[in-house]
Amino acid sequence: MSRESAIQDALLVLRCLQGETAAFAALVDRWQERLLRHAARMIDDQSAARDITQETWIAVIKNLSRLDDTEAFGQWVFRILTNKCADWVRRQQRDRRLHDRLAEQQEQSENSSPATSQRFDSVYQAMDALPTEQGSLLALYYIEEFSVAEIAEIVGVPSGTIKSRLYRARNNLRQLLEDNKND
């Protein structure tokens, strides 16, 4: 990138920091297509690339005041976009692994006795009925086989909090299964 272009970006960043919305619009105009092309190359999904680029601009708005070297805006925004693309790829891989495991378990349950298959189905239905956070924690622990410490790192809360949330989720799952059994 040329020195002149970096200086133009730095001036726009400074104007953005002063609250000028037109300056932010100018930054978007200058960088949008390049960011979108880079995201599309990284993840090979045009729709997701647009979403990730949008998320990048939201992160820029939230964190622009943390940019120390305003002339390095280009590198900074590309780093944000690249990190968001990497996060998207990791989520896709994790979702694919979860889907594969569930499909494998489904296949195993179909090959097992009808009673076992019904139990698996009722557990999955009960997990789906739980609040999203509780179902996700149970899936991370029992299906993905993450440890409590690993889940704490993923979710960003202390291990003790994960233990108590898992305890509540198990109790709620147990209650749902008992209620379904009595119906």
Protein backbone atom coordinates (compact mmCIF):
# COMPACT_ATOMS: atom_id res chain seq x y z
CA MET A 1 0.00 0.00 0.00
CA SER A 2 1.32 3.44 -0.86
CA ARG A 3 2.31 5.98 1.76
CA GLU A 4 -0.30 8.38 0.38
CA SER A 5 -3.04 5.79 0.78
CA ALA A 6 -1.94 5.04 4.35
CA ILE A 7 -2.05 8.74 5.19
CA GLN A 8 -5.55 9.04 3.70
CA ASP A 9 -6.68 6.11 5.85
CA ALA A 10 -5.07 7.67 8.93
CA LEU A 11 -6.93 10.93 8.34
CA LEU A 12 -10.21 9.08 7.87
CA VAL A 13 -9.61 7.10 11.07
CA LEU A 14 -8.92 10.29 13.01
CA ARG A 15 -12.12 11.84 11.64
CA CYS A 16 -14.04 8.67 12.58
CA LEU A 17 -12.69 8.92 16.11
CA GLN A 18 -14.08 12.45 16.22
CA GLY A 19 -17.52 11.06 15.36
CA GLU A 20 -17.74 11.85 11.64
CA THR A 21 -19.99 9.21 10.09
CA ALA A 22 -19.03 10.35 6.57
CA ALA A 23 -15.43 9.42 7.33
CA PHE A 24 -16.47 5.92 8.34
CA ALA A 25 -18.51 5.60 5.14
CA ALA A 26 -15.41 6.65 3.19
CA LEU A 27 -13.34 3.96 4.94
CA VAL A 28 -15.96 1.37 4.07
CA ASP A 29 -15.95 2.54 0.44
CA ARG A 30 -12.16 2.31 0.30
CA TRP A 31 -11.87 -1.16 1.88
CA GLN A 32 -15.14 -3.07 1.41
CA GLU A 33 -14.36 -4.76 -1.92
CA ARG A 34 -10.84 -5.79 -0.90
CA LEU A 35 -12.06 -7.22 2.38
CA LEU A 36 -14.91 -9.08 0.69
CA ARG A 37 -12.54 -10.57 -1.91
CA HIS A 38 -10.11 -11.68 0.79
CA ALA A 39 -12.87 -13.28 2.88
CA ALA A 40 -14.30 -15.08 -0.16
CA ARG A 41 -10.83 -16.44 -1.01
CA MET A 42 -10.28 -17.62 2.55
CA ILE A 43 -13.57 -19.42 3.10
CA ASP A 44 -14.90 -20.07 -0.41
CA ASP A 45 -18.46 -19.10 0.54
CA GLN A 46 -19.67 -15.80 -0.88
CA SER A 47 -22.64 -15.44 1.46
CA ALA A 48 -20.59 -16.16 4.57
CA ALA A 49 -17.87 -13.83 3.27
CA ARG A 50 -20.39 -10.97 3.16
CA ASP A 51 -21.51 -11.76 6.72
CA ILE A 52 -17.94 -11.95 7.98
CA THR A 53 -17.08 -8.67 6.28
CA GLN A 54 -20.07 -7.07 7.98
CA GLU A 55 -18.95 -8.50 11.34
CA THR A 56 -15.50 -7.06 10.65
CA TRP A 57 -16.93 -3.57 10.19
CA ILE A 58 -18.84 -3.92 13.46
CA ALA A 59 -15.58 -4.88 15.18
CA VAL A 60 -13.88 -1.89 13.57
CA ILE A 61 -16.54 0.44 14.96
CA LYS A 62 -16.20 -1.05 18.44
CA ASN A 63 -12.40 -1.13 18.50
CA LEU A 64 -11.23 1.77 16.35
CA SER A 65 -10.14 3.73 19.42
CA ARG A 66 -7.66 0.91 20.21
CA LEU A 67 -5.82 1.33 16.92
CA ASP A 68 -2.46 2.79 17.93
CA ASP A 69 -0.98 3.41 14.48
CA THR A 70 -3.69 4.99 12.35
CA GLU A 71 -1.54 4.58 9.23
CA ALA A 72 -1.68 0.80 9.78
CA PHE A 73 -5.48 0.70 9.40
CA GLY A 74 -5.27 -1.58 6.34
CA GLN A 75 -3.20 -4.23 8.08
CA TRP A 76 -5.34 -3.93 11.20
CA VAL A 77 -8.67 -4.37 9.41
CA PHE A 78 -7.31 -7.30 7.38
CA ARG A 79 -6.10 -8.96 10.60
CA ILE A 80 -9.59 -8.61 12.09
CA LEU A 81 -11.15 -10.06 8.95
CA THR A 82 -8.64 -12.92 8.81
CA ASN A 83 -9.31 -13.80 12.46
CA LYS A 84 -13.06 -13.76 11.85
CA CYS A 85 -12.63 -16.04 8.83
CA ALA A 86 -10.54 -18.43 10.93
CA ASP A 87 -13.27 -18.41 13.60
CA TRP A 88 -15.87 -19.20 10.93
CA VAL A 89 -13.79 -22.11 9.60
CA ARG A 90 -13.35 -23.51 13.12
CA ARG A 91 -17.11 -23.26 13.74
CA GLN A 92 -17.81 -25.05 10.46
CA GLN A 93 -15.37 -27.82 11.34
CA ARG A 94 -16.82 -28.16 14.83
CA ASP A 95 -20.36 -28.26 13.46
CA ARG A 96 -19.33 -30.85 10.87
CA ARG A 97 -17.70 -33.03 13.56
CA LEU A 98 -20.80 -32.74 15.73
CA HIS A 99 -23.03 -33.61 12.78
CA ASP A 100 -20.84 -36.59 11.90
CA ARG A 101 -20.90 -37.85 15.48
CA LEU A 102 -24.64 -37.44 15.73
CA ALA A 103 -25.10 -39.25 12.42
CA GLU A 104 -22.82 -42.03 13.61
CA GLN A 105 -24.72 -42.31 16.88
CA GLN A 106 -27.99 -42.25 14.97
CA GLU A 107 -26.75 -45.07 12.74
CA GLN A 108 -25.62 -47.05 15.77
CA SER A 109 -28.95 -46.52 17.44
CA GLU A 110 -30.78 -47.64 14.31
CA ASN A 111 -28.69 -50.81 14.29
CA SER A 112 -29.35 -51.44 17.97
CA SER A 113 -32.49 -52.68 19.60
CA PRO A 114 -35.70 -50.66 19.20
CA ALA A 115 -35.69 -49.88 22.93
CA THR A 116 -32.17 -48.43 22.73
CA SER A 117 -33.08 -46.46 19.64
CA GLN A 118 -36.12 -45.01 21.40
CA ARG A 119 -33.96 -44.00 24.37
CA PHE A 120 -31.50 -42.17 22.10
CA ASP A 121 -34.38 -40.43 20.33
CA SER A 122 -35.98 -39.36 23.59
CA VAL A 123 -32.66 -38.04 24.94
CA TYR A 124 -32.02 -36.01 21.77
CA GLN A 125 -35.59 -34.67 21.83
CA ALA A 126 -35.23 -33.70 25.47
CA MET A 127 -31.90 -32.00 24.74
CA ASP A 128 -33.58 -30.04 21.95
CA ALA A 129 -36.26 -28.95 24.42
CA LEU A 130 -33.69 -27.57 26.85
CA PRO A 131 -32.66 -23.91 26.70
CA THR A 132 -30.00 -23.51 24.00
CA GLU A 133 -27.16 -22.87 26.44
CA GLN A 134 -27.91 -26.01 28.46
CA GLY A 135 -28.24 -28.20 25.37
CA SER A 136 -24.98 -26.80 24.01
CA LEU A 137 -23.12 -27.45 27.25
CA LEU A 138 -24.37 -31.03 27.38
CA ALA A 139 -23.37 -31.54 23.75
CA LEU A 140 -19.90 -30.09 24.35
CA TYR A 141 -19.39 -32.32 27.37
CA TYR A 142 -21.00 -35.61 26.31
CA ILE A 143 -20.89 -35.55 22.53
CA GLU A 144 -17.80 -33.47 21.78
CA GLU A 145 -16.11 -34.86 24.90
CA PHE A 146 -14.55 -31.59 26.02
CA SER A 147 -13.43 -31.38 29.64
CA VAL A 148 -14.99 -28.89 32.04
CA ALA A 149 -11.82 -26.76 31.79
CA GLU A 150 -11.96 -26.82 27.99
CA ILE A 151 -15.63 -25.83 27.98
CA ALA A 152 -14.83 -23.01 30.40
CA GLU A 153 -12.22 -21.77 27.93
CA ILE A 154 -14.66 -22.05 25.01
CA VAL A 155 -17.50 -20.27 26.81
CA GLY A 156 -15.25 -17.80 28.62
CA VAL A 157 -16.42 -18.44 32.17
CA PRO A 158 -14.78 -20.12 35.20
CA SER A 159 -14.76 -23.93 35.48
CA GLY A 160 -16.93 -23.77 38.61
CA THR A 161 -19.62 -21.96 36.63
CA ILE A 162 -19.52 -24.67 33.95
CA LYS A 163 -19.85 -27.37 36.63
CA SER A 164 -22.94 -25.72 38.12
CA ARG A 165 -24.45 -25.10 34.67
CA LEU A 166 -23.85 -28.73 33.70
CA TYR A 167 -25.45 -29.84 36.97
CA ARG A 168 -28.56 -27.76 36.23
CA ALA A 169 -28.65 -28.94 32.63
CA ARG A 170 -28.46 -32.60 33.69
CA ASN A 171 -31.24 -32.08 36.23
CA ASN A 172 -33.42 -30.35 33.66
CA LEU A 173 -32.72 -33.12 31.14
CA ARG A 174 -33.54 -35.77 33.72
CA GLN A 175 -36.80 -33.99 34.57
CA LEU A 176 -37.78 -33.72 30.91
CA LEU A 177 -37.04 -37.41 30.37
CA GLU A 178 -39.11 -38.36 33.42
CA ASP A 179 -41.98 -36.14 32.30
CA ASN A 180 -41.89 -37.70 28.82
CA LYS A 181 -41.76 -41.18 30.34
CA ASN A 182 -44.88 -40.47 32.42
CA ASP A 183 -46.83 -39.14 29.45
